[in-house]
Amino acid sequence: MNPSIFKTYDIRGVVPEELGVEAIKKIAAALIKYLEPKSVVLGFDSRLSSPEFAAEAKEIFLDAGVDVFDLGMVPIEVVYFACGHLKVPGVMITASHNPREYNGIKIIDSEVLPVSMGYGLEKIKNIALSENGNMETQSKRGEIKKIDIWPDYLEKIFSFIDIKNIKPIKFVCDASNGVAGNVLTKITRGLPIKMTQINFVPDGDFPNHGPNPMLSKNRNQLIEECKKIDDLSFAAIFDGDADRIALLDENGDFVDTDYLSALISKILITKNGANTVVFDMRRGWAVKNQVESLGSKYLPSKSGYPFIREKMQKVNAIFGGEASAHNIYRDFFFADSSMITLLLIVEYLSENNIKLSEALEEYRESIFMFEETNFQVKDIDNVIRTLKNKFNDGKTNEEDGLSVEYNEWHLNLRPSATQPLVRLNLEGTDPELIEEKRDQVIKIIENNGGVIVDE
């Protein structure tokens, strides 16, 4: 087993070179030794190796006397819901948005907390890599627990909206040949909507484009579809395990995740009254302005689902957003849900009889962003030193990479937690100033050996 498959938030590696059947068995056994569960929820995504990996993990659980709620191929938010609903830990076989050659494991405890580094994953890693990492077979074998989770799950996500508010609306969804298609079909059945379906058939080869909606090249097919449809309201695209959703407006223009989080914050605060919202400190000015204008509290967080969720729980925040397109809801076990996000947007646009571009106009005219750009950099420390010296008159924060803030603009450069890259974000109140600062920062990174990459 390659120790490098244990990442900050979960487990991911190239199949079979880094992650194979034997590694899956050892990790499943280590999970049992660490969590000591009586039952587990098990789900998997559409990757070619996922059914086999899930089957192997299931056998380890059963042999160890652990009962298994086998959900089959589902979006990870259905696993989150099942863990919270049943109060048992869960396992999702997935590499989320990574390229097709990857697979991995996300582990969730019975409190629907992600088991990440610093929160138990390091202990599972140590057990799995030790000589006694194998699981002993128990005399009483576990059982497959039959459960139809869909009625309770659907009731939960529909509790976020008033279905009577939904009027006829037309939109496009691209499931990226991942696992979003099945649940999208269930959600929209019976609603007064017309949803055009793209890449709804699960296919681990991802034949039409990669499963990462944050890469512009993966949105080209959806953009072309938007151009074909009259009276469109918006379009949505999902990643491989459907925990991330990115939106395009009716013109096919990408919606920056800050704008989406600002709109979701507006919807939730309007529905529920003054509340607290958390957003990741890579950006966030649009969200901050919207939340504070509604008499609510905005709190920045270190990037990453575990950190955002942890801060949300401390302050009982109603919503948490991440620049990488995760949307986390307090009333969904503090877990992220792309489907709740979709329903809230459908309800808001149809109820107000507006297109998505109209709903976003106030954000797009006040805060301007340079879409996140990734670099391969050999010496990130030297890049950060150079940037600090260049912008030494700004307000500096190194809680999550390097943030430098001025009255008119803000930059953040941070290492990726899942890939060998650094990610650059800029935002500000003047589009020309943002372009100028973008060019300055990119030149500094490139002069220090950085190369722009499209993941």
Protein backbone atom coordinates (compact mmCIF):
# COMPACT_ATOMS: atom_id res chain seq x y z
CA MET A 1 0.00 0.00 0.00
CA ASN A 2 1.34 3.40 -0.97
CA PRO A 3 1.16 5.65 2.15
CA SER A 4 0.67 8.70 -0.09
CA ILE A 5 -2.92 7.66 -0.81
CA PHE A 6 -3.88 9.02 2.62
CA LYS A 7 -4.69 12.65 1.85
CA THR A 8 -5.81 15.50 4.09
CA TYR A 9 -9.53 14.82 3.73
CA ASP A 10 -9.81 11.24 2.49
CA ILE A 11 -8.02 8.42 0.64
CA ARG A 12 -7.25 8.65 -3.08
CA GLY A 13 -4.85 6.97 -5.45
CA VAL A 14 -4.26 5.70 -8.96
CA VAL A 15 -5.78 2.25 -9.60
CA PRO A 16 -4.21 -0.28 -9.36
CA GLU A 17 -0.68 1.10 -8.93
CA GLU A 18 -1.43 2.97 -5.70
CA LEU A 19 -4.83 1.67 -4.65
CA GLY A 20 -5.95 -1.92 -5.25
CA VAL A 21 -8.08 -4.63 -3.70
CA GLU A 22 -5.59 -5.52 -0.96
CA ALA A 23 -5.32 -1.90 0.10
CA ILE A 24 -9.11 -1.63 0.24
CA LYS A 25 -9.25 -4.70 2.48
CA LYS A 26 -6.64 -3.33 4.87
CA ILE A 27 -8.30 0.07 5.04
CA ALA A 28 -11.71 -1.50 5.72
CA ALA A 29 -10.18 -3.62 8.49
CA ALA A 30 -8.41 -0.58 9.96
CA LEU A 31 -11.67 1.37 9.91
CA ILE A 32 -13.34 -1.38 11.95
CA LYS A 33 -10.51 -1.40 14.50
CA TYR A 34 -10.65 2.37 14.89
CA LEU A 35 -14.41 3.06 14.81
CA GLU A 36 -15.56 -0.30 16.25
CA PRO A 37 -18.95 -0.02 14.50
CA LYS A 38 -21.82 -2.45 14.87
CA SER A 39 -23.18 -1.32 11.49
CA VAL A 40 -21.91 0.71 8.54
CA VAL A 41 -23.49 2.45 5.56
CA LEU A 42 -21.80 1.62 2.25
CA GLY A 43 -22.10 3.42 -1.08
CA PHE A 44 -20.01 3.80 -4.22
CA ASP A 45 -19.67 6.01 -7.29
CA SER A 46 -19.59 5.20 -11.02
CA ARG A 47 -15.86 4.53 -11.40
CA LEU A 48 -14.96 1.26 -13.07
CA SER A 49 -13.27 -0.16 -9.96
CA SER A 50 -15.89 1.06 -7.49
CA PRO A 51 -18.28 -1.94 -7.54
CA GLU A 52 -15.40 -4.35 -6.92
CA PHE A 53 -13.88 -2.18 -4.19
CA ALA A 54 -17.26 -1.82 -2.47
CA ALA A 55 -17.84 -5.59 -2.65
CA GLU A 56 -14.43 -6.30 -1.10
CA ALA A 57 -14.99 -3.77 1.69
CA LYS A 58 -18.43 -5.25 2.34
CA GLU A 59 -16.98 -8.74 2.80
CA ILE A 60 -14.43 -7.42 5.29
CA PHE A 61 -17.22 -5.74 7.27
CA LEU A 62 -19.44 -8.83 7.22
CA ASP A 63 -16.60 -11.18 8.17
CA ALA A 64 -15.85 -8.93 11.13
CA GLY A 65 -19.44 -9.24 12.35
CA VAL A 66 -20.45 -5.75 11.19
CA ASP A 67 -23.87 -5.27 9.61
CA VAL A 68 -23.94 -3.38 6.30
CA PHE A 69 -26.57 -0.98 4.95
CA ASP A 70 -25.67 -1.44 1.30
CA LEU A 71 -26.92 1.58 -0.68
CA GLY A 72 -25.25 0.63 -3.96
CA MET A 73 -24.33 3.35 -6.47
CA VAL A 74 -25.47 6.67 -4.96
CA PRO A 75 -24.37 10.29 -4.58
CA ILE A 76 -22.31 10.76 -1.44
CA GLU A 77 -24.94 13.03 0.08
CA VAL A 78 -27.25 10.01 0.25
CA VAL A 79 -24.55 8.27 2.33
CA TYR A 80 -24.28 11.39 4.52
CA PHE A 81 -28.03 11.36 5.02
CA ALA A 82 -28.13 7.64 5.80
CA CYS A 83 -25.35 8.04 8.39
CA GLY A 84 -27.21 10.87 10.10
CA HIS A 85 -30.61 9.23 9.81
CA LEU A 86 -29.45 5.83 11.09
CA LYS A 87 -26.75 7.20 13.41
CA VAL A 88 -24.08 4.83 12.09
CA PRO A 89 -20.75 5.49 10.32
CA GLY A 90 -20.41 5.19 6.58
CA VAL A 91 -18.02 4.51 3.74
CA MET A 92 -18.17 5.90 0.21
CA ILE A 93 -15.96 4.38 -2.48
CA THR A 94 -15.13 7.41 -4.63
CA ALA A 95 -12.38 9.66 -5.91
CA SER A 96 -14.88 12.51 -6.27
CA HIS A 97 -13.68 14.87 -9.04
CA ASN A 98 -10.31 13.24 -9.71
CA PRO A 99 -9.53 11.88 -13.20
CA ARG A 100 -10.80 8.45 -14.29
CA GLU A 101 -7.63 6.53 -13.29
CA TYR A 102 -8.18 7.37 -9.61
CA ASN A 103 -10.37 5.89 -6.92
CA GLY A 104 -10.58 6.31 -3.18
CA ILE A 105 -12.51 6.16 0.06
CA LYS A 106 -14.36 8.78 2.08
CA ILE A 107 -15.11 7.77 5.68
CA ILE A 108 -17.90 9.35 7.72
CA ASP A 109 -18.52 8.74 11.41
CA SER A 110 -21.92 8.33 13.08
CA GLU A 111 -22.12 12.09 13.69
CA VAL A 112 -21.74 12.62 9.91
CA LEU A 113 -18.27 14.01 10.55
CA PRO A 114 -15.65 13.35 7.86
CA VAL A 115 -12.83 11.19 9.16
CA SER A 116 -9.93 13.31 7.90
CA MET A 117 -6.35 13.97 9.02
CA GLY A 118 -6.46 15.27 12.57
CA TYR A 119 -9.91 13.74 12.96
CA GLY A 120 -9.02 10.03 12.93
CA LEU A 121 -7.74 9.31 9.43
CA GLU A 122 -4.15 9.37 10.63
CA LYS A 123 -5.02 6.55 13.08
CA ILE A 124 -6.70 4.50 10.36
CA LYS A 125 -3.60 5.04 8.21
CA ASN A 126 -1.29 3.78 10.97
CA ILE A 127 -3.42 0.69 11.56
CA ALA A 128 -3.72 -0.09 7.84
CA LEU A 129 0.04 0.20 7.33
CA SER A 130 0.92 -1.90 10.38
CA GLU A 131 1.59 -5.62 10.26
CA ASN A 132 -1.52 -6.39 12.31
CA GLY A 133 -3.78 -4.37 10.03
CA ASN A 134 -5.74 -7.42 8.83
CA MET A 135 -9.12 -8.19 10.39
CA GLU A 136 -9.83 -11.44 12.16
CA THR A 137 -12.98 -13.24 11.01
CA GLN A 138 -15.67 -13.36 13.68
CA SER A 139 -17.79 -16.40 14.45
CA LYS A 140 -21.00 -14.40 13.93
CA ARG A 141 -21.03 -12.92 10.47
CA GLY A 142 -22.64 -9.55 9.91
CA GLU A 143 -25.85 -9.14 7.96
CA ILE A 144 -26.88 -7.15 4.90
CA LYS A 145 -29.50 -4.72 6.16
CA LYS A 146 -32.21 -3.99 3.62
CA ILE A 147 -33.26 -0.36 3.57
CA ASP A 148 -34.98 1.94 1.11
CA ILE A 149 -33.39 5.24 2.07
CA TRP A 150 -34.95 7.23 -0.77
CA PRO A 151 -38.32 8.24 0.79
CA ASP A 152 -36.69 9.66 3.93
CA TYR A 153 -33.88 11.30 1.96
CA LEU A 154 -36.27 12.96 -0.48
CA GLU A 155 -38.50 14.16 2.36
CA LYS A 156 -35.46 15.73 3.99
CA ILE A 157 -34.16 17.66 1.00
CA PHE A 158 -37.65 18.84 0.01
CA SER A 159 -38.09 20.24 3.54
CA PHE A 160 -35.80 23.11 2.47
CA ILE A 161 -38.35 24.46 0.00
CA ASP A 162 -42.08 24.93 -0.43
CA ILE A 163 -42.93 22.82 -3.44
CA LYS A 164 -45.98 25.00 -4.15
CA ASN A 165 -43.62 27.86 -4.99
CA ILE A 166 -42.16 26.02 -7.97
CA LYS A 167 -43.59 27.30 -11.23
CA PRO A 168 -42.77 26.05 -14.75
CA ILE A 169 -39.05 26.45 -15.36
CA LYS A 170 -36.55 25.13 -17.89
CA PHE A 171 -32.97 24.15 -17.07
CA VAL A 172 -30.18 21.75 -18.10
CA CYS A 173 -28.28 19.31 -15.87
CA ASP A 174 -25.00 17.61 -16.77
CA ALA A 175 -24.37 14.61 -14.49
CA SER A 176 -20.84 14.14 -15.92
CA ASN A 177 -21.48 10.37 -16.24
CA GLY A 178 -21.23 10.22 -12.46
CA VAL A 179 -23.93 9.35 -9.94
CA ALA A 180 -26.06 12.52 -10.01
CA GLY A 181 -28.45 11.35 -12.75
CA ASN A 182 -30.45 8.83 -10.74
CA VAL A 183 -31.24 11.21 -7.88
CA LEU A 184 -31.95 14.13 -10.23
CA THR A 185 -34.57 12.01 -11.96
CA LYS A 186 -36.17 11.17 -8.60
CA ILE A 187 -36.13 14.77 -7.40
CA THR A 188 -37.66 16.34 -10.49
CA ARG A 189 -40.34 13.71 -11.05
CA GLY A 190 -43.76 15.38 -10.82
CA LEU A 191 -42.43 18.95 -10.67
CA PRO A 192 -43.57 21.54 -13.25
CA ILE A 193 -40.12 21.71 -14.80
CA LYS A 194 -38.41 20.78 -18.03
CA MET A 195 -34.95 19.39 -17.33
CA THR A 196 -32.68 18.56 -20.26
CA GLN A 197 -30.45 15.65 -19.29
CA ILE A 198 -26.79 15.41 -20.31
CA ASN A 199 -24.49 12.49 -19.45
CA PHE A 200 -26.96 10.90 -17.03
CA VAL A 201 -25.75 7.36 -17.70
CA PRO A 202 -23.06 6.39 -15.13
CA ASP A 203 -19.82 5.55 -16.91
CA GLY A 204 -16.48 5.36 -15.11
CA ASP A 205 -14.62 6.05 -18.34
CA PHE A 206 -16.12 9.56 -18.26
CA PRO A 207 -16.29 9.50 -22.08
CA ASN A 208 -17.63 13.02 -22.63
CA HIS A 209 -15.51 15.05 -20.21
CA GLY A 210 -13.79 14.72 -16.86
CA PRO A 211 -15.77 14.67 -13.59
CA ASN A 212 -14.49 18.02 -12.28
CA PRO A 213 -16.99 20.84 -13.00
CA MET A 214 -14.53 23.51 -11.85
CA LEU A 215 -12.35 22.99 -14.93
CA SER A 216 -13.59 25.14 -17.79
CA LYS A 217 -12.91 22.47 -20.43
CA ASN A 218 -15.38 20.15 -18.69
CA ARG A 219 -18.16 22.72 -19.07
CA ASN A 220 -17.88 23.13 -22.85
CA GLN A 221 -20.53 20.53 -23.66
CA LEU A 222 -22.99 22.15 -21.26
CA ILE A 223 -22.27 25.61 -22.68
CA GLU A 224 -23.10 24.38 -26.19
CA GLU A 225 -26.35 22.87 -24.91
CA CYS A 226 -27.32 26.20 -23.32
CA LYS A 227 -27.02 27.88 -26.72
CA LYS A 228 -29.54 25.46 -28.24
CA ILE A 229 -32.39 25.96 -25.75
CA ASP A 230 -34.84 28.85 -25.82
CA ASP A 231 -36.19 30.40 -22.61
CA LEU A 232 -33.61 28.64 -20.44
CA SER A 233 -33.34 29.74 -16.80
CA PHE A 234 -29.98 28.19 -15.84
CA ALA A 235 -27.77 25.10 -16.15
CA ALA A 236 -26.03 22.88 -13.58
CA ILE A 237 -23.11 20.45 -13.71
CA PHE A 238 -22.07 17.93 -11.04
CA ASP A 239 -18.84 16.17 -10.15
CA GLY A 240 -18.26 12.42 -9.98
CA ASP A 241 -19.85 11.70 -6.60
CA ALA A 242 -22.25 14.68 -6.91
CA ASP A 243 -21.14 16.50 -3.78
CA ARG A 244 -20.22 19.55 -5.87
CA ILE A 245 -22.46 21.59 -8.14
CA ALA A 246 -21.44 24.39 -10.49
CA LEU A 247 -23.94 26.62 -12.28
CA LEU A 248 -24.09 28.43 -15.59
CA ASP A 249 -26.56 31.20 -16.23
CA GLU A 250 -29.04 31.04 -19.12
CA ASN A 251 -26.38 32.45 -21.46
CA GLY A 252 -23.91 29.69 -20.64
CA ASP A 253 -21.70 31.95 -18.52
CA PHE A 254 -20.05 30.34 -15.52
CA VAL A 255 -21.33 31.38 -12.09
CA ASP A 256 -18.50 32.01 -9.65
CA THR A 257 -19.10 29.95 -6.52
CA ASP A 258 -19.00 33.10 -4.37
CA TYR A 259 -22.01 34.44 -6.24
CA LEU A 260 -23.88 31.16 -5.82
CA SER A 261 -23.12 31.09 -2.09
CA ALA A 262 -24.23 34.72 -1.76
CA LEU A 263 -27.53 33.86 -3.44
CA ILE A 264 -28.06 30.73 -1.32
CA SER A 265 -27.29 32.81 1.81
CA LYS A 266 -29.89 35.37 0.72
CA ILE A 267 -32.50 32.65 0.15
CA LEU A 268 -31.89 30.92 3.49
CA ILE A 269 -31.75 34.10 5.57
CA THR A 270 -34.93 35.38 3.91
CA LYS A 271 -36.64 32.09 4.75
CA ASN A 272 -35.28 31.68 8.28
CA GLY A 273 -34.38 35.13 9.60
CA ALA A 274 -31.01 36.47 10.75
CA ASN A 275 -28.36 33.77 10.88
CA THR A 276 -24.65 33.09 10.57
CA VAL A 277 -22.94 32.08 7.32
CA VAL A 278 -19.42 30.65 6.92
CA PHE A 279 -17.38 30.84 3.71
CA ASP A 280 -13.82 29.86 2.91
CA MET A 281 -11.20 32.59 3.18
CA ARG A 282 -9.81 32.10 -0.31
CA ARG A 283 -12.42 34.67 -1.40
CA GLY A 284 -15.81 35.61 0.04
CA TRP A 285 -16.37 39.35 -0.37
CA ALA A 286 -19.62 38.88 -2.31
CA VAL A 287 -20.94 36.50 0.37
CA LYS A 288 -19.86 38.83 3.18
CA ASN A 289 -21.57 41.85 1.61
CA GLN A 290 -24.81 39.95 1.05
CA VAL A 291 -24.94 38.36 4.50
CA GLU A 292 -24.16 41.55 6.39
CA SER A 293 -26.66 43.56 4.32
CA LEU A 294 -29.36 41.21 5.66
CA GLY A 295 -28.37 41.83 9.28
CA SER A 296 -26.63 38.48 9.61
CA LYS A 297 -23.12 37.44 10.59
CA TYR A 298 -20.38 36.37 8.18
CA LEU A 299 -17.37 34.31 9.31
CA PRO A 300 -14.38 33.29 7.16
CA SER A 301 -12.94 29.79 7.52
CA LYS A 302 -9.89 27.88 6.47
CA SER A 303 -10.64 26.13 3.19
CA GLY A 304 -11.74 22.51 3.32
CA TYR A 305 -14.97 20.75 4.18
CA PRO A 306 -13.88 19.58 7.68
CA PHE A 307 -12.76 23.08 8.69
CA ILE A 308 -15.82 24.87 7.34
CA ARG A 309 -18.12 22.34 8.94
CA GLU A 310 -16.28 22.58 12.28
CA LYS A 311 -16.67 26.36 12.34
CA MET A 312 -20.31 26.07 11.31
CA GLN A 313 -21.03 23.76 14.23
CA LYS A 314 -19.27 26.03 16.74
CA VAL A 315 -21.48 28.98 15.78
CA ASN A 316 -24.55 27.03 14.59
CA ALA A 317 -24.26 28.60 11.12
CA ILE A 318 -27.18 27.92 8.80
CA PHE A 319 -24.96 27.61 5.71
CA GLY A 320 -21.34 27.15 4.75
CA GLY A 321 -19.84 27.58 1.31
CA GLU A 322 -16.50 26.66 -0.20
CA ALA A 323 -14.96 28.25 -3.27
CA SER A 324 -14.52 24.78 -4.79
CA ALA A 325 -18.35 24.39 -5.03
CA HIS A 326 -19.28 22.60 -1.82
CA ASN A 327 -22.47 23.85 -0.14
CA ILE A 328 -22.98 22.75 3.47
CA TYR A 329 -26.32 22.95 5.29
CA ARG A 330 -26.86 23.00 9.05
CA ASP A 331 -30.21 21.26 8.73
CA PHE A 332 -28.73 18.46 6.61
CA PHE A 333 -26.53 17.12 9.43
CA PHE A 334 -23.99 19.88 8.65
CA ALA A 335 -23.20 17.99 5.44
CA ASP A 336 -22.96 19.24 1.90
CA SER A 337 -25.76 18.73 -0.59
CA SER A 338 -25.76 19.69 -4.26
CA MET A 339 -29.41 18.64 -4.54
CA ILE A 340 -30.62 21.04 -1.83
CA THR A 341 -28.68 23.76 -3.66
CA LEU A 342 -30.41 22.86 -6.91
CA LEU A 343 -33.88 22.86 -5.33
CA LEU A 344 -33.33 26.23 -3.67
CA ILE A 345 -32.28 27.76 -7.00
CA VAL A 346 -35.21 26.20 -8.86
CA GLU A 347 -37.66 27.49 -6.25
CA TYR A 348 -36.19 31.00 -6.13
CA LEU A 349 -35.97 31.55 -9.89
CA SER A 350 -39.38 30.09 -10.70
CA GLU A 351 -41.15 31.83 -7.81
CA ASN A 352 -39.70 35.21 -8.83
CA ASN A 353 -39.99 34.51 -12.58
CA ILE A 354 -36.40 35.53 -13.28
CA LYS A 355 -33.36 34.05 -15.00
CA LEU A 356 -30.20 33.24 -13.07
CA SER A 357 -28.29 36.17 -14.57
CA GLU A 358 -30.90 38.54 -13.12
CA ALA A 359 -30.57 36.97 -9.67
CA LEU A 360 -26.78 37.41 -9.80
CA GLU A 361 -26.65 40.91 -11.25
CA GLU A 362 -26.01 42.70 -7.94
CA TYR A 363 -23.03 40.45 -7.17
CA ARG A 364 -21.49 40.54 -10.63
CA GLU A 365 -21.61 44.35 -10.68
CA SER A 366 -19.96 44.86 -7.30
CA ILE A 367 -17.32 42.14 -6.78
CA PHE A 368 -15.02 40.90 -9.54
CA MET A 369 -13.03 37.68 -9.43
CA PHE A 370 -10.22 35.97 -11.27
CA GLU A 371 -11.35 32.35 -11.54
CA GLU A 372 -9.17 30.01 -9.47
CA THR A 373 -5.98 29.08 -11.34
CA ASN A 374 -3.69 26.17 -10.53
CA PHE A 375 0.09 26.10 -10.74
CA GLN A 376 2.77 23.47 -10.41
CA VAL A 377 5.46 25.07 -8.23
CA LYS A 378 8.64 23.42 -7.00
CA ASP A 379 9.42 25.89 -4.21
CA ILE A 380 6.14 27.24 -2.83
CA ASP A 381 7.92 28.76 0.20
CA ASN A 382 10.02 30.98 -2.07
CA VAL A 383 6.94 32.06 -4.01
CA ILE A 384 5.17 33.03 -0.78
CA ARG A 385 8.23 34.96 0.47
CA THR A 386 8.40 36.88 -2.81
CA LEU A 387 4.69 37.73 -2.71
CA LYS A 388 4.92 38.88 0.91
CA ASN A 389 7.78 41.19 0.05
CA LYS A 390 5.98 42.56 -3.00
CA PHE A 391 2.75 43.27 -1.12
CA ASN A 392 4.18 44.04 2.32
CA ASP A 393 1.86 47.04 2.81
CA GLY A 394 -1.26 44.84 2.75
CA LYS A 395 -2.98 42.97 5.58
CA THR A 396 -1.40 39.50 5.66
CA ASN A 397 -2.94 36.26 6.94
CA GLU A 398 -1.21 32.86 6.71
CA GLU A 399 -3.90 30.70 8.32
CA ASP A 400 -4.62 29.06 4.95
CA GLY A 401 -1.72 29.59 2.58
CA LEU A 402 -1.03 33.28 2.03
CA SER A 403 -3.80 35.88 2.03
CA VAL A 404 -3.06 39.56 1.38
CA GLU A 405 -5.90 42.05 1.66
CA TYR A 406 -6.28 45.70 0.67
CA ASN A 407 -9.36 47.90 0.66
CA GLU A 408 -9.88 47.33 -3.07
CA TRP A 409 -8.60 43.78 -3.62
CA HIS A 410 -7.59 40.51 -2.00
CA LEU A 411 -5.40 37.56 -3.04
CA ASN A 412 -4.98 34.05 -1.68
CA LEU A 413 -2.39 31.45 -2.70
CA ARG A 414 -2.64 28.07 -1.01
CA PRO A 415 -1.35 24.52 -1.59
CA SER A 416 -3.98 22.00 -2.69
CA ALA A 417 -4.89 19.39 -0.08
CA THR A 418 -5.68 16.77 -2.72
CA GLN A 419 -3.19 17.34 -5.57
CA PRO A 420 0.44 18.56 -5.98
CA LEU A 421 -0.62 22.09 -6.95
CA VAL A 422 -1.02 25.60 -5.56
CA ARG A 423 -4.24 27.51 -6.18
CA LEU A 424 -4.48 31.24 -6.82
CA ASN A 425 -7.58 33.35 -6.15
CA LEU A 426 -8.08 37.10 -6.52
CA GLU A 427 -11.12 39.30 -5.96
CA GLY A 428 -11.84 43.01 -5.72
CA THR A 429 -14.11 45.93 -6.44
CA ASP A 430 -12.45 47.12 -9.68
CA PRO A 431 -12.14 44.72 -12.66
CA GLU A 432 -9.20 46.61 -14.21
CA LEU A 433 -7.31 46.55 -10.91
CA ILE A 434 -7.94 42.80 -10.58
CA GLU A 435 -6.50 42.19 -14.06
CA GLU A 436 -3.45 44.28 -13.18
CA LYS A 437 -2.84 42.44 -9.90
CA ARG A 438 -3.53 39.07 -11.53
CA ASP A 439 -0.80 39.71 -14.10
CA GLN A 440 1.63 40.84 -11.41
CA VAL A 441 1.04 37.77 -9.24
CA ILE A 442 1.21 35.32 -12.14
CA LYS A 443 4.50 36.85 -13.29
CA ILE A 444 5.96 36.44 -9.80
CA ILE A 445 4.85 32.79 -9.65
CA GLU A 446 6.19 32.05 -13.15
CA ASN A 447 9.50 33.79 -12.38
CA ASN A 448 9.83 31.34 -9.48
CA GLY A 449 9.31 28.32 -11.73
CA GLY A 450 5.54 28.08 -11.53
CA VAL A 451 3.61 26.69 -14.49
CA ILE A 452 -0.14 27.11 -15.02
CA VAL A 453 -1.90 23.75 -15.28
CA ASP A 454 -5.44 22.76 -16.18
CA GLU A 455 -5.97 19.83 -13.77
